[in-house]
Amino acid sequence: MDIPIVENVLKLNDEVAAINRKTLKEAGVYTVDLIGSPGSGKTSLLEATFKAIGDKARIGVLVGDLTTARDATRISKWCPDVVQINTGKGCHLDANQVRQGLDRLKLDELDILVIGNVGNLICPVGFDLGQDSKVGLFSVAEGDDKPAKHPYIVMEAELLLLNKMDLLPHVTFDMDIFKEDISRINPTVQLMEVCATNGWINEWCDWLLAKVGK
C-alpha cells in the first residue's frame, strides 16, 4: 500500500508568502512581523510608535487576534491604515490571511507595514508571512527565562525588544541571565530595551525609520 508523505506542510504557505513578499517589495513597503506573548505590550508599543514617528513615515498595520477587534480599535486612533484579522481558534497568522489583509490596504501610500501577530511565542515563528524582518517582543513582567524557553524566536529574529523596563525594580528578573541566554542562542541578534507606556522607544523608532531611509 502506498502511503502519501507530506514533505512540506508549509509549502502552500511559503508560496503565498513569496507572493506577499514580491507585492510588498514592488510597493516599496518594509514589513515587520512583530511576535510576542499575550500581555507583552505589542499594541501599546504600536500606539507609542505612531505617536513618536508622526509624519516621518506612513505606517500600516495588520493585527491578528482570535475573536475581537479591540487591538485594531485602539490602534485606529493613531493609525488610519489598520486591518484586523481574526483567526478564530488559530494560534498564528498565515500567509494567506496576510494576503487578504494586504488587499485592504493602499500599499503604495505606505512606507512600513507592521504585522502584529497573534499573542504567542511558539506557532507564529514557523510561518513565513512575506515579511522582511521578524521582531520578537519580551517584557520583564514575563520573567528572565523566556528566551531559553522559546529559543526559536530568538534564532529567527533580526531584533529583540525587552519591554516594560519601568517595572524592572518591582519584578524578579535577572538581566544577566536573560542576556546570556540570548547570546548563547543567537550571538548576532540585536537587543533593545524599551518602555512603551513611558514613550521610551526612540531606538526602536530609529531602527524602523532607518529601514526605509527616513
N, C-alpha and C. Protein backbone atom coordinates (compact mmCIF):
# COMPACT_ATOMS: atom_id res chain seq x y z
N MET A 1 0.84 -1.19 0.00
CA MET A 1 0.00 0.00 0.00
C MET A 1 0.88 1.25 0.00
N ASP A 2 0.60 2.17 -0.92
CA ASP A 2 1.34 3.42 -0.97
C ASP A 2 0.79 4.40 0.06
N ILE A 3 1.67 4.94 0.87
CA ILE A 3 1.28 5.90 1.89
C ILE A 3 1.80 7.27 1.49
N PRO A 4 0.91 8.23 1.22
CA PRO A 4 1.38 9.57 0.83
C PRO A 4 2.14 10.22 1.98
N ILE A 5 3.23 10.86 1.63
CA ILE A 5 4.06 11.56 2.62
C ILE A 5 4.03 13.05 2.33
N VAL A 6 3.66 13.82 3.32
CA VAL A 6 3.67 15.26 3.17
C VAL A 6 5.08 15.76 3.46
N GLU A 7 5.79 16.13 2.40
CA GLU A 7 7.19 16.52 2.57
C GLU A 7 7.32 17.90 3.20
N ASN A 8 6.38 18.77 2.91
CA ASN A 8 6.47 20.12 3.46
C ASN A 8 5.07 20.66 3.65
N VAL A 9 4.59 20.56 4.89
CA VAL A 9 3.22 21.01 5.18
C VAL A 9 3.08 22.52 5.04
N LEU A 10 4.21 23.22 4.97
CA LEU A 10 4.18 24.67 4.85
C LEU A 10 4.40 25.13 3.41
N LYS A 11 4.41 24.18 2.46
CA LYS A 11 4.72 24.56 1.08
C LYS A 11 3.75 25.61 0.53
N LEU A 12 2.45 25.39 0.70
CA LEU A 12 1.48 26.34 0.19
C LEU A 12 1.63 27.69 0.87
N ASN A 13 1.82 27.66 2.19
CA ASN A 13 2.02 28.92 2.91
C ASN A 13 3.24 29.67 2.37
N ASP A 14 4.32 28.93 2.12
CA ASP A 14 5.54 29.57 1.63
C ASP A 14 5.35 30.16 0.24
N GLU A 15 4.54 29.49 -0.58
CA GLU A 15 4.27 30.01 -1.93
C GLU A 15 3.51 31.34 -1.86
N VAL A 16 2.51 31.41 -0.98
CA VAL A 16 1.75 32.65 -0.82
C VAL A 16 2.63 33.73 -0.19
N ALA A 17 3.49 33.32 0.75
CA ALA A 17 4.41 34.28 1.37
C ALA A 17 5.33 34.91 0.34
N ALA A 18 5.77 34.11 -0.63
CA ALA A 18 6.62 34.64 -1.70
C ALA A 18 5.87 35.68 -2.53
N ILE A 19 4.59 35.44 -2.76
CA ILE A 19 3.77 36.41 -3.49
C ILE A 19 3.64 37.70 -2.67
N ASN A 20 3.38 37.53 -1.36
CA ASN A 20 3.28 38.70 -0.48
C ASN A 20 4.57 39.51 -0.51
N ARG A 21 5.69 38.81 -0.44
CA ARG A 21 6.98 39.50 -0.40
C ARG A 21 7.21 40.29 -1.68
N LYS A 22 6.87 39.69 -2.80
CA LYS A 22 7.03 40.38 -4.09
C LYS A 22 6.12 41.61 -4.17
N THR A 23 4.88 41.46 -3.72
CA THR A 23 3.93 42.57 -3.73
C THR A 23 4.43 43.73 -2.88
N LEU A 24 4.90 43.41 -1.68
CA LEU A 24 5.38 44.44 -0.76
C LEU A 24 6.65 45.11 -1.26
N LYS A 25 7.54 44.32 -1.83
CA LYS A 25 8.78 44.89 -2.37
C LYS A 25 8.48 45.83 -3.52
N GLU A 26 7.57 45.43 -4.41
CA GLU A 26 7.23 46.28 -5.55
C GLU A 26 6.57 47.59 -5.09
N ALA A 27 5.87 47.53 -3.95
CA ALA A 27 5.22 48.73 -3.42
C ALA A 27 6.18 49.58 -2.59
N GLY A 28 7.37 49.05 -2.34
CA GLY A 28 8.35 49.78 -1.55
C GLY A 28 8.01 49.84 -0.07
N VAL A 29 7.38 48.78 0.43
CA VAL A 29 6.95 48.74 1.84
C VAL A 29 7.85 47.78 2.62
N TYR A 30 8.47 48.29 3.69
CA TYR A 30 9.27 47.43 4.58
C TYR A 30 8.33 46.81 5.61
N THR A 31 8.41 45.49 5.75
CA THR A 31 7.42 44.77 6.56
C THR A 31 8.06 44.04 7.73
N VAL A 32 7.47 44.23 8.89
CA VAL A 32 7.93 43.62 10.14
C VAL A 32 6.84 42.70 10.68
N ASP A 33 7.22 41.48 11.02
CA ASP A 33 6.33 40.55 11.73
C ASP A 33 6.67 40.65 13.21
N LEU A 34 5.79 41.28 13.98
CA LEU A 34 6.01 41.51 15.41
C LEU A 34 5.40 40.36 16.20
N ILE A 35 6.24 39.62 16.91
CA ILE A 35 5.82 38.41 17.61
C ILE A 35 6.09 38.57 19.11
N GLY A 36 5.06 38.37 19.91
CA GLY A 36 5.21 38.44 21.36
C GLY A 36 4.08 37.73 22.04
N SER A 37 4.25 37.38 23.28
CA SER A 37 3.22 36.66 24.02
C SER A 37 2.10 37.60 24.43
N PRO A 38 0.94 37.06 24.84
CA PRO A 38 -0.14 37.92 25.33
C PRO A 38 0.34 38.76 26.52
N GLY A 39 0.07 40.05 26.47
CA GLY A 39 0.46 40.93 27.57
C GLY A 39 1.86 41.48 27.50
N SER A 40 2.60 41.13 26.45
CA SER A 40 3.97 41.65 26.34
C SER A 40 4.00 43.12 25.96
N GLY A 41 2.88 43.62 25.41
CA GLY A 41 2.79 45.05 25.11
C GLY A 41 2.86 45.39 23.64
N LYS A 42 2.46 44.47 22.76
CA LYS A 42 2.53 44.72 21.32
C LYS A 42 1.69 45.93 20.91
N THR A 43 0.44 45.98 21.38
CA THR A 43 -0.44 47.07 20.99
C THR A 43 0.03 48.39 21.57
N SER A 44 0.45 48.38 22.82
CA SER A 44 0.98 49.60 23.44
C SER A 44 2.23 50.09 22.70
N LEU A 45 3.06 49.16 22.27
CA LEU A 45 4.26 49.52 21.52
C LEU A 45 3.88 50.20 20.21
N LEU A 46 2.88 49.65 19.51
CA LEU A 46 2.45 50.24 18.25
C LEU A 46 1.85 51.63 18.46
N GLU A 47 1.03 51.78 19.49
CA GLU A 47 0.46 53.10 19.79
C GLU A 47 1.57 54.12 20.02
N ALA A 48 2.54 53.75 20.82
CA ALA A 48 3.64 54.67 21.13
C ALA A 48 4.48 54.95 19.89
N THR A 49 4.62 53.95 19.03
CA THR A 49 5.40 54.12 17.80
C THR A 49 4.77 55.15 16.88
N PHE A 50 3.45 55.09 16.72
CA PHE A 50 2.78 56.06 15.86
C PHE A 50 2.94 57.48 16.41
N LYS A 51 2.82 57.62 17.73
CA LYS A 51 2.97 58.94 18.35
C LYS A 51 4.38 59.49 18.11
N ALA A 52 5.38 58.62 18.27
CA ALA A 52 6.77 59.06 18.17
C ALA A 52 7.19 59.36 16.74
N ILE A 53 6.77 58.53 15.80
CA ILE A 53 7.20 58.70 14.41
C ILE A 53 6.42 59.80 13.71
N GLY A 54 5.16 59.95 14.06
CA GLY A 54 4.36 61.02 13.47
C GLY A 54 4.32 60.95 11.95
N ASP A 55 4.65 62.06 11.31
CA ASP A 55 4.59 62.10 9.85
C ASP A 55 5.93 61.80 9.18
N LYS A 56 6.88 61.26 9.94
CA LYS A 56 8.18 60.92 9.36
C LYS A 56 8.07 59.73 8.41
N ALA A 57 7.09 58.86 8.65
CA ALA A 57 6.86 57.71 7.79
C ALA A 57 5.40 57.29 7.92
N ARG A 58 4.84 56.74 6.85
CA ARG A 58 3.46 56.26 6.87
C ARG A 58 3.49 54.77 7.22
N ILE A 59 2.81 54.40 8.30
CA ILE A 59 2.83 53.03 8.80
C ILE A 59 1.44 52.42 8.69
N GLY A 60 1.37 51.21 8.17
CA GLY A 60 0.14 50.43 8.17
C GLY A 60 0.28 49.24 9.10
N VAL A 61 -0.85 48.72 9.54
CA VAL A 61 -0.83 47.60 10.49
C VAL A 61 -1.84 46.54 10.09
N LEU A 62 -1.39 45.30 10.10
CA LEU A 62 -2.28 44.14 10.10
C LEU A 62 -2.19 43.53 11.48
N VAL A 63 -3.29 43.45 12.19
CA VAL A 63 -3.25 42.97 13.57
C VAL A 63 -4.08 41.70 13.71
N GLY A 64 -3.44 40.67 14.27
CA GLY A 64 -4.10 39.39 14.44
C GLY A 64 -4.63 39.20 15.84
N ASP A 65 -5.80 38.61 15.94
CA ASP A 65 -6.40 38.28 17.24
C ASP A 65 -7.37 37.13 17.01
N LEU A 66 -7.75 36.45 18.08
CA LEU A 66 -8.65 35.32 17.93
C LEU A 66 -10.05 35.75 17.52
N THR A 67 -10.65 36.65 18.30
CA THR A 67 -12.06 36.98 18.04
C THR A 67 -12.39 38.46 18.04
N THR A 68 -11.69 39.28 18.80
CA THR A 68 -12.12 40.67 18.96
C THR A 68 -11.39 41.60 18.00
N ALA A 69 -11.89 42.84 17.94
CA ALA A 69 -11.24 43.90 17.18
C ALA A 69 -10.70 44.98 18.12
N ARG A 70 -10.48 44.62 19.36
CA ARG A 70 -10.07 45.62 20.35
C ARG A 70 -8.71 46.23 20.03
N ASP A 71 -7.77 45.42 19.58
CA ASP A 71 -6.45 45.95 19.26
C ASP A 71 -6.53 46.92 18.09
N ALA A 72 -7.26 46.53 17.05
CA ALA A 72 -7.41 47.40 15.88
C ALA A 72 -8.12 48.70 16.26
N THR A 73 -9.10 48.61 17.15
CA THR A 73 -9.81 49.81 17.59
C THR A 73 -8.86 50.76 18.30
N ARG A 74 -8.02 50.23 19.16
CA ARG A 74 -7.03 51.07 19.85
C ARG A 74 -6.06 51.71 18.87
N ILE A 75 -5.55 50.90 17.95
CA ILE A 75 -4.54 51.38 17.02
C ILE A 75 -5.12 52.41 16.05
N SER A 76 -6.40 52.24 15.68
CA SER A 76 -7.02 53.12 14.68
C SER A 76 -7.10 54.57 15.15
N LYS A 77 -6.99 54.81 16.45
CA LYS A 77 -6.98 56.18 16.95
C LYS A 77 -5.72 56.93 16.52
N TRP A 78 -4.67 56.16 16.20
CA TRP A 78 -3.39 56.76 15.83
C TRP A 78 -3.01 56.45 14.40
N CYS A 79 -3.61 55.41 13.84
CA CYS A 79 -3.22 54.94 12.51
C CYS A 79 -4.46 54.66 11.68
N PRO A 80 -4.65 55.37 10.56
CA PRO A 80 -5.83 55.13 9.73
C PRO A 80 -5.73 53.87 8.89
N ASP A 81 -4.52 53.34 8.75
CA ASP A 81 -4.30 52.20 7.86
C ASP A 81 -4.12 50.93 8.69
N VAL A 82 -5.22 50.43 9.24
CA VAL A 82 -5.16 49.25 10.09
C VAL A 82 -6.24 48.27 9.67
N VAL A 83 -5.87 46.99 9.63
CA VAL A 83 -6.80 45.92 9.27
C VAL A 83 -6.74 44.85 10.35
N GLN A 84 -7.90 44.47 10.88
CA GLN A 84 -7.98 43.40 11.87
C GLN A 84 -8.15 42.06 11.16
N ILE A 85 -7.37 41.08 11.58
CA ILE A 85 -7.51 39.72 11.07
C ILE A 85 -7.83 38.80 12.24
N ASN A 86 -9.02 38.20 12.23
CA ASN A 86 -9.40 37.28 13.29
C ASN A 86 -9.15 35.84 12.85
N THR A 87 -8.51 35.09 13.71
CA THR A 87 -8.08 33.73 13.37
C THR A 87 -8.96 32.65 13.97
N GLY A 88 -9.99 33.04 14.75
CA GLY A 88 -10.81 32.03 15.42
C GLY A 88 -9.98 31.28 16.44
N LYS A 89 -9.85 29.98 16.26
CA LYS A 89 -9.04 29.17 17.18
C LYS A 89 -7.59 29.06 16.73
N GLY A 90 -7.26 29.73 15.63
CA GLY A 90 -5.88 29.67 15.13
C GLY A 90 -4.93 30.45 16.01
N CYS A 91 -3.75 29.89 16.25
CA CYS A 91 -2.80 30.49 17.18
C CYS A 91 -1.74 31.34 16.49
N HIS A 92 -1.94 31.62 15.21
CA HIS A 92 -0.97 32.42 14.47
C HIS A 92 -1.62 32.94 13.19
N LEU A 93 -1.00 33.91 12.58
CA LEU A 93 -1.39 34.35 11.25
C LEU A 93 -0.66 33.50 10.22
N ASP A 94 -1.30 33.28 9.06
CA ASP A 94 -0.61 32.61 7.97
C ASP A 94 -0.53 33.55 6.77
N ALA A 95 0.21 33.13 5.76
CA ALA A 95 0.47 34.00 4.62
C ALA A 95 -0.80 34.34 3.85
N ASN A 96 -1.75 33.42 3.77
CA ASN A 96 -2.99 33.70 3.04
C ASN A 96 -3.83 34.75 3.76
N GLN A 97 -3.88 34.68 5.08
CA GLN A 97 -4.60 35.71 5.84
C GLN A 97 -3.96 37.08 5.64
N VAL A 98 -2.64 37.11 5.64
CA VAL A 98 -1.93 38.37 5.39
C VAL A 98 -2.22 38.85 3.97
N ARG A 99 -2.24 37.93 3.02
CA ARG A 99 -2.54 38.30 1.64
C ARG A 99 -3.90 39.00 1.54
N GLN A 100 -4.89 38.45 2.21
CA GLN A 100 -6.22 39.07 2.20
C GLN A 100 -6.19 40.45 2.86
N GLY A 101 -5.40 40.57 3.92
CA GLY A 101 -5.28 41.86 4.59
C GLY A 101 -4.61 42.91 3.72
N LEU A 102 -3.61 42.48 2.93
CA LEU A 102 -2.92 43.42 2.05
C LEU A 102 -3.86 44.01 1.02
N ASP A 103 -4.83 43.22 0.59
CA ASP A 103 -5.79 43.70 -0.41
C ASP A 103 -6.64 44.85 0.11
N ARG A 104 -6.66 45.04 1.44
CA ARG A 104 -7.49 46.09 2.04
C ARG A 104 -6.66 47.32 2.42
N LEU A 105 -5.39 47.32 2.04
CA LEU A 105 -4.52 48.46 2.32
C LEU A 105 -4.05 49.11 1.03
N LYS A 106 -3.83 50.41 1.07
CA LYS A 106 -3.25 51.12 -0.06
C LYS A 106 -1.73 51.11 0.10
N LEU A 107 -1.13 50.02 -0.37
CA LEU A 107 0.29 49.80 -0.12
C LEU A 107 1.16 50.88 -0.73
N ASP A 108 0.73 51.47 -1.84
CA ASP A 108 1.54 52.50 -2.48
C ASP A 108 1.61 53.78 -1.67
N GLU A 109 0.80 53.86 -0.60
CA GLU A 109 0.83 55.04 0.27
C GLU A 109 1.57 54.77 1.59
N LEU A 110 2.13 53.56 1.74
CA LEU A 110 2.80 53.17 2.98
C LEU A 110 4.31 53.07 2.79
N ASP A 111 5.03 53.33 3.88
CA ASP A 111 6.47 53.10 3.94
C ASP A 111 6.78 51.82 4.71
N ILE A 112 6.01 51.60 5.77
CA ILE A 112 6.25 50.48 6.69
C ILE A 112 4.94 49.75 6.95
N LEU A 113 5.01 48.44 7.02
CA LEU A 113 3.87 47.63 7.46
C LEU A 113 4.30 46.79 8.65
N VAL A 114 3.55 46.88 9.74
CA VAL A 114 3.79 46.04 10.90
C VAL A 114 2.67 45.01 10.98
N ILE A 115 3.05 43.75 11.02
CA ILE A 115 2.09 42.66 11.21
C ILE A 115 2.14 42.29 12.69
N GLY A 116 1.11 42.68 13.43
CA GLY A 116 1.04 42.34 14.85
C GLY A 116 0.45 40.94 14.97
N ASN A 117 1.30 39.96 15.12
CA ASN A 117 0.84 38.57 15.12
C ASN A 117 0.01 38.24 16.35
N VAL A 118 -0.66 37.11 16.32
CA VAL A 118 -1.43 36.63 17.47
C VAL A 118 -0.48 36.44 18.65
N GLY A 119 -0.95 36.77 19.85
CA GLY A 119 -0.11 36.66 21.04
C GLY A 119 0.35 35.23 21.29
N ASN A 120 1.62 34.96 20.98
CA ASN A 120 2.13 33.59 21.04
C ASN A 120 3.60 33.64 20.67
N LEU A 121 4.45 32.95 21.41
CA LEU A 121 5.87 32.91 21.11
C LEU A 121 6.28 31.61 20.41
N ILE A 122 5.30 30.77 20.08
CA ILE A 122 5.63 29.46 19.52
C ILE A 122 5.18 29.36 18.06
N CYS A 123 3.89 29.22 17.83
CA CYS A 123 3.36 28.95 16.48
C CYS A 123 3.73 30.00 15.44
N PRO A 124 3.63 31.30 15.73
CA PRO A 124 3.89 32.29 14.68
C PRO A 124 5.29 32.24 14.10
N VAL A 125 6.25 31.74 14.87
CA VAL A 125 7.64 31.78 14.43
C VAL A 125 7.86 30.95 13.17
N GLY A 126 7.12 29.85 13.03
CA GLY A 126 7.36 28.92 11.94
C GLY A 126 6.69 29.28 10.63
N PHE A 127 5.93 30.37 10.58
CA PHE A 127 5.17 30.72 9.38
C PHE A 127 5.74 31.97 8.72
N ASP A 128 6.22 31.81 7.51
CA ASP A 128 6.66 32.94 6.72
C ASP A 128 5.43 33.69 6.23
N LEU A 129 5.39 34.99 6.43
CA LEU A 129 4.26 35.80 6.00
C LEU A 129 4.60 36.71 4.83
N GLY A 130 5.87 36.70 4.43
CA GLY A 130 6.33 37.62 3.40
C GLY A 130 7.02 38.83 3.96
N GLN A 131 7.34 38.80 5.25
CA GLN A 131 7.95 39.94 5.94
C GLN A 131 9.42 40.09 5.57
N ASP A 132 9.96 41.28 5.83
CA ASP A 132 11.39 41.50 5.70
C ASP A 132 12.13 41.09 6.97
N SER A 133 11.51 41.36 8.13
CA SER A 133 12.15 41.07 9.41
C SER A 133 11.14 40.52 10.40
N LYS A 134 11.62 39.62 11.24
CA LYS A 134 10.85 39.21 12.41
C LYS A 134 11.43 39.93 13.62
N VAL A 135 10.53 40.50 14.42
CA VAL A 135 10.94 41.19 15.64
C VAL A 135 10.25 40.51 16.81
N GLY A 136 11.03 40.06 17.78
CA GLY A 136 10.48 39.41 18.97
C GLY A 136 10.34 40.39 20.11
N LEU A 137 9.22 40.30 20.81
CA LEU A 137 8.95 41.21 21.93
C LEU A 137 8.80 40.42 23.22
N PHE A 138 9.67 40.69 24.18
CA PHE A 138 9.58 40.15 25.53
C PHE A 138 9.24 41.31 26.48
N SER A 139 8.88 40.97 27.71
CA SER A 139 8.72 42.00 28.74
C SER A 139 9.29 41.48 30.05
N VAL A 140 9.76 42.41 30.88
CA VAL A 140 10.36 41.99 32.16
C VAL A 140 9.33 41.33 33.06
N ALA A 141 8.04 41.64 32.85
CA ALA A 141 7.00 41.05 33.68
C ALA A 141 6.83 39.56 33.43
N GLU A 142 7.31 39.08 32.28
CA GLU A 142 7.16 37.66 31.92
C GLU A 142 8.23 36.78 32.57
N GLY A 143 9.31 37.37 33.02
CA GLY A 143 10.39 36.58 33.60
C GLY A 143 11.59 36.49 32.68
N ASP A 144 12.76 36.23 33.27
CA ASP A 144 14.00 36.23 32.50
C ASP A 144 14.26 34.94 31.74
N ASP A 145 13.39 33.93 31.90
CA ASP A 145 13.63 32.63 31.27
C ASP A 145 13.00 32.48 29.89
N LYS A 146 12.32 33.49 29.40
CA LYS A 146 11.58 33.35 28.14
C LYS A 146 12.48 33.06 26.94
N PRO A 147 13.64 33.69 26.78
CA PRO A 147 14.48 33.32 25.64
C PRO A 147 14.90 31.86 25.66
N ALA A 148 15.24 31.34 26.82
CA ALA A 148 15.65 29.94 26.92
C ALA A 148 14.49 28.99 26.65
N LYS A 149 13.29 29.36 27.07
CA LYS A 149 12.12 28.50 26.89
C LYS A 149 11.52 28.63 25.50
N HIS A 150 11.81 29.74 24.83
CA HIS A 150 11.29 29.97 23.48
C HIS A 150 12.45 30.37 22.56
N PRO A 151 13.35 29.45 22.29
CA PRO A 151 14.57 29.82 21.57
C PRO A 151 14.37 30.12 20.09
N TYR A 152 13.28 29.63 19.49
CA TYR A 152 13.15 29.77 18.04
C TYR A 152 12.89 31.21 17.60
N ILE A 153 12.18 31.97 18.41
CA ILE A 153 12.01 33.39 18.08
C ILE A 153 13.35 34.11 18.20
N VAL A 154 14.16 33.70 19.16
CA VAL A 154 15.49 34.31 19.31
C VAL A 154 16.36 33.97 18.10
N MET A 155 16.25 32.72 17.62
CA MET A 155 17.04 32.29 16.47
C MET A 155 16.68 33.05 15.21
N GLU A 156 15.39 33.30 15.01
CA GLU A 156 14.92 33.84 13.73
C GLU A 156 14.75 35.35 13.71
N ALA A 157 14.74 35.98 14.86
CA ALA A 157 14.51 37.43 14.90
C ALA A 157 15.74 38.21 14.46
N GLU A 158 15.50 39.29 13.76
CA GLU A 158 16.57 40.24 13.46
C GLU A 158 16.77 41.18 14.64
N LEU A 159 15.68 41.42 15.37
CA LEU A 159 15.71 42.34 16.51
C LEU A 159 14.83 41.80 17.62
N LEU A 160 15.31 41.93 18.86
CA LEU A 160 14.52 41.59 20.04
C LEU A 160 14.32 42.85 20.87
N LEU A 161 13.11 43.02 21.37
CA LEU A 161 12.78 44.14 22.24
C LEU A 161 12.42 43.61 23.63
N LEU A 162 12.93 44.26 24.65
CA LEU A 162 12.57 43.95 26.03
C LEU A 162 11.75 45.11 26.57
N ASN A 163 10.46 44.89 26.76
CA ASN A 163 9.51 45.94 27.10
C ASN A 163 9.24 46.00 28.61
N LYS A 164 8.58 47.05 29.01
CA LYS A 164 8.14 47.30 30.39
C LYS A 164 9.33 47.46 31.33
N MET A 165 10.36 48.15 30.84
CA MET A 165 11.56 48.34 31.65
C MET A 165 11.28 49.13 32.92
N ASP A 166 10.20 49.89 32.95
CA ASP A 166 9.86 50.65 34.16
C ASP A 166 9.49 49.73 35.32
N LEU A 167 9.14 48.48 35.00
CA LEU A 167 8.76 47.53 36.05
C LEU A 167 9.95 46.75 36.61
N LEU A 168 11.11 46.94 36.02
CA LEU A 168 12.27 46.13 36.41
C LEU A 168 12.56 46.15 37.92
N PRO A 169 12.45 47.32 38.60
CA PRO A 169 12.73 47.31 40.03
C PRO A 169 11.69 46.56 40.86
N HIS A 170 10.56 46.22 40.26
CA HIS A 170 9.45 45.67 41.01
C HIS A 170 9.16 44.19 40.71
N VAL A 171 9.97 43.58 39.84
CA VAL A 171 9.74 42.18 39.48
C VAL A 171 11.04 41.40 39.65
N THR A 172 10.89 40.09 39.72
CA THR A 172 12.05 39.22 39.79
C THR A 172 12.54 38.94 38.37
N PHE A 173 13.63 39.57 38.01
CA PHE A 173 14.14 39.46 36.64
C PHE A 173 15.64 39.63 36.67
N ASP A 174 16.37 38.61 36.24
CA ASP A 174 17.83 38.65 36.22
C ASP A 174 18.28 39.03 34.81
N MET A 175 18.71 40.26 34.63
CA MET A 175 19.09 40.74 33.30
C MET A 175 20.29 39.98 32.75
N ASP A 176 21.21 39.58 33.62
CA ASP A 176 22.39 38.85 33.15
C ASP A 176 21.99 37.51 32.55
N ILE A 177 21.10 36.79 33.23
CA ILE A 177 20.63 35.50 32.71
C ILE A 177 19.90 35.70 31.38
N PHE A 178 19.05 36.69 31.33
CA PHE A 178 18.28 37.00 30.12
C PHE A 178 19.22 37.23 28.94
N LYS A 179 20.22 38.08 29.13
CA LYS A 179 21.13 38.41 28.03
C LYS A 179 22.06 37.24 27.69
N GLU A 180 22.47 36.49 28.70
CA GLU A 180 23.34 35.34 28.45
C GLU A 180 22.63 34.28 27.61
N ASP A 181 21.35 34.05 27.90
CA ASP A 181 20.60 33.06 27.13
C ASP A 181 20.45 33.52 25.68
N ILE A 182 20.16 34.79 25.48
CA ILE A 182 20.03 35.31 24.11
C ILE A 182 21.35 35.19 23.36
N SER A 183 22.44 35.56 24.00
CA SER A 183 23.75 35.49 23.37
C SER A 183 24.14 34.06 23.01
N ARG A 184 23.75 33.13 23.86
CA ARG A 184 24.06 31.72 23.60
C ARG A 184 23.26 31.19 22.41
N ILE A 185 22.01 31.61 22.30
CA ILE A 185 21.12 31.11 21.25
C ILE A 185 21.39 31.79 19.92
N ASN A 186 21.59 33.11 19.95
CA ASN A 186 21.81 33.88 18.73
C ASN A 186 22.74 35.05 19.04
N PRO A 187 24.04 34.85 18.89
CA PRO A 187 25.01 35.90 19.27
C PRO A 187 24.90 37.17 18.45
N THR A 188 24.25 37.11 17.28
CA THR A 188 24.23 38.27 16.39
C THR A 188 22.95 39.11 16.49
N VAL A 189 21.93 38.61 17.19
CA VAL A 189 20.66 39.34 17.23
C VAL A 189 20.82 40.62 18.06
N GLN A 190 20.16 41.67 17.62
CA GLN A 190 20.20 42.95 18.32
C GLN A 190 19.13 42.99 19.40
N LEU A 191 19.45 43.52 20.56
CA LEU A 191 18.51 43.64 21.67
C LEU A 191 18.37 45.11 22.06
N MET A 192 17.11 45.55 22.19
CA MET A 192 16.83 46.91 22.64
C MET A 192 15.90 46.87 23.84
N GLU A 193 16.18 47.73 24.81
CA GLU A 193 15.32 47.85 25.99
C GLU A 193 14.36 49.02 25.76
N VAL A 194 13.07 48.77 25.96
CA VAL A 194 12.06 49.79 25.68
C VAL A 194 11.02 49.83 26.80
N CYS A 195 10.26 50.91 26.80
CA CYS A 195 9.11 51.03 27.69
C CYS A 195 8.02 51.77 26.93
N ALA A 196 7.09 51.03 26.37
CA ALA A 196 6.07 51.62 25.50
C ALA A 196 5.20 52.63 26.23
N THR A 197 4.81 52.34 27.45
CA THR A 197 3.88 53.22 28.15
C THR A 197 4.52 54.54 28.54
N ASN A 198 5.84 54.56 28.67
CA ASN A 198 6.54 55.80 29.01
C ASN A 198 7.16 56.49 27.80
N GLY A 199 6.93 55.92 26.62
CA GLY A 199 7.47 56.53 25.41
C GLY A 199 8.97 56.35 25.23
N TRP A 200 9.55 55.38 25.95
CA TRP A 200 10.99 55.13 25.86
C TRP A 200 11.23 54.15 24.70
N ILE A 201 11.11 54.64 23.48
CA ILE A 201 11.17 53.77 22.31
C ILE A 201 11.97 54.41 21.17
N ASN A 202 12.76 55.41 21.46
CA ASN A 202 13.47 56.14 20.41
C ASN A 202 14.37 55.24 19.57
N GLU A 203 15.08 54.33 20.22
CA GLU A 203 15.99 53.45 19.49
C GLU A 203 15.22 52.55 18.52
N TRP A 204 14.07 52.05 18.98
CA TRP A 204 13.21 51.22 18.13
C TRP A 204 12.69 52.03 16.94
N CYS A 205 12.24 53.23 17.17
CA CYS A 205 11.73 54.07 16.08
C CYS A 205 12.84 54.41 15.09
N ASP A 206 14.04 54.69 15.60
CA ASP A 206 15.16 54.97 14.72
C ASP A 206 15.49 53.76 13.85
N TRP A 207 15.38 52.58 14.43
CA TRP A 207 15.64 51.34 13.68
C TRP A 207 14.63 51.20 12.54
N LEU A 208 13.35 51.44 12.82
CA LEU A 208 12.32 51.35 11.80
C LEU A 208 12.54 52.38 10.68
N LEU A 209 12.81 53.62 11.06
CA LEU A 209 12.98 54.68 10.07
C LEU A 209 14.22 54.44 9.21
N ALA A 210 15.25 53.87 9.80
CA ALA A 210 16.47 53.59 9.03
C ALA A 210 16.20 52.55 7.95
N LYS A 211 15.28 51.65 8.20
CA LYS A 211 14.95 50.61 7.23
C LYS A 211 14.33 51.19 5.97
N VAL A 212 13.72 52.36 6.09
CA VAL A 212 13.10 52.98 4.91
C VAL A 212 13.79 54.29 4.53
N GLY A 213 14.99 54.47 5.06
CA GLY A 213 15.80 55.63 4.67
C GLY A 213 15.23 56.96 5.13
N LYS A 214 14.57 56.96 6.29
CA LYS A 214 13.99 58.20 6.80
C LYS A 214 14.86 58.80 7.91
